[in-house]
């Protein structure tokens, strides 16, 4: 199991990460809720400010999986930042 991000930072459950689903997408804010053998399970913060990973192509899951190489751990405090 790899629990390090693209930059080599240790990522724990509850940490926040920034990631892009593909080279042409916007950055997405995610919260780590679990590990997979190659990365993490995350819930994303949608444009309405809600934590929800249901989107086109992923209607049946409350989370999505991302590879450890696809994300970077960030310092995010929901109480200080709106968005």
Protein backbone atom coordinates (compact mmCIF):
# COMPACT_ATOMS: atom_id res chain seq x y z
CA UNK A 1 0.00 0.00 0.00
CA UNK A 2 1.31 3.42 -0.96
CA UNK A 3 0.16 6.15 1.44
CA UNK A 4 2.32 8.93 -0.02
CA UNK A 5 1.22 11.57 -2.50
CA UNK A 6 2.91 12.68 -5.72
CA UNK A 7 5.39 14.79 -3.72
CA UNK A 8 6.22 12.02 -1.25
CA UNK A 9 4.17 13.42 1.65
CA UNK A 10 2.50 10.95 4.02
CA UNK A 11 -1.29 11.04 3.56
CA UNK A 12 -3.59 9.92 6.36
CA UNK A 13 -7.33 9.38 6.53
CA UNK A 14 -8.96 12.78 7.03
CA UNK A 15 -6.27 14.67 5.09
CA UNK A 16 -7.18 16.87 2.13
CA UNK A 17 -5.72 16.44 -1.33
CA UNK A 18 -5.88 18.34 -4.62
CA UNK A 19 -6.22 16.29 -7.79
CA UNK A 20 -7.37 16.46 -11.40
CA UNK A 21 -9.30 13.61 -13.01
CA UNK A 22 -7.58 14.11 -16.37
CA UNK A 23 -5.18 16.59 -18.00
CA UNK A 24 -8.03 18.83 -19.14
CA UNK A 25 -10.07 19.08 -15.95
CA UNK A 26 -10.08 21.65 -13.16
CA UNK A 27 -8.41 20.92 -9.85
CA UNK A 28 -10.65 19.11 -7.37
CA UNK A 29 -10.55 19.22 -3.59
CA UNK A 30 -10.83 15.79 -2.00
CA UNK A 31 -10.90 14.41 1.53
CA UNK A 32 -9.23 11.03 2.07
CA UNK A 33 -11.63 8.48 3.59
CA UNK A 34 -9.66 5.28 2.96
CA UNK A 35 -6.78 3.53 1.28
CA UNK A 36 -6.53 1.26 -1.74
CA UNK A 37 -3.52 -0.83 -2.75
CA UNK A 38 -2.38 1.91 -5.17
CA UNK A 39 -3.88 5.09 -3.76
CA UNK A 40 -6.81 6.55 -1.88
CA UNK A 41 -10.58 6.66 -1.59
CA UNK A 42 -11.74 10.26 -1.52
CA UNK A 43 -14.91 12.28 -1.41
CA UNK A 44 -14.84 15.43 -3.48
CA UNK A 45 -16.13 18.89 -2.71
CA UNK A 46 -18.42 19.85 -5.56
CA UNK A 47 -18.98 23.32 -7.01
CA UNK A 48 -21.94 23.87 -4.70
CA UNK A 49 -19.64 23.39 -1.70
CA UNK A 50 -21.02 19.98 -0.72
CA UNK A 51 -18.95 16.87 0.00
CA UNK A 52 -20.29 14.40 -2.55
CA UNK A 53 -18.56 12.19 -5.12
CA UNK A 54 -21.65 11.26 -7.10
CA UNK A 55 -21.26 12.57 -10.64
CA UNK A 56 -21.80 11.47 -14.21
CA UNK A 57 -20.26 8.03 -14.54
CA UNK A 58 -20.12 7.47 -10.77
CA UNK A 59 -23.75 7.53 -9.58
CA UNK A 60 -23.55 4.39 -7.45
CA UNK A 61 -20.62 5.28 -5.17
CA UNK A 62 -20.23 7.80 -2.37
CA UNK A 63 -16.49 7.99 -3.08
CA UNK A 64 -13.99 7.77 -5.90
CA UNK A 65 -10.54 6.25 -6.10
CA UNK A 66 -7.42 8.13 -7.14
CA UNK A 67 -3.87 6.96 -7.55
CA UNK A 68 -1.25 8.21 -5.11
CA UNK A 69 0.63 9.71 -8.07
CA UNK A 70 -2.47 11.76 -9.05
CA UNK A 71 -2.75 13.92 -5.95
CA UNK A 72 -0.92 16.29 -3.63
CA UNK A 73 -1.68 16.74 0.05
CA UNK A 74 -2.79 20.27 0.90
CA UNK A 75 -3.34 22.28 4.06
CA UNK A 76 -7.06 23.04 4.05
CA UNK A 77 -9.18 24.28 6.94
CA UNK A 78 -12.89 24.36 6.21
CA UNK A 79 -13.48 26.90 8.97
CA UNK A 80 -11.15 29.48 7.41
CA UNK A 81 -11.84 29.07 3.68
CA UNK A 82 -15.19 29.21 1.94
CA UNK A 83 -15.23 27.37 -1.33
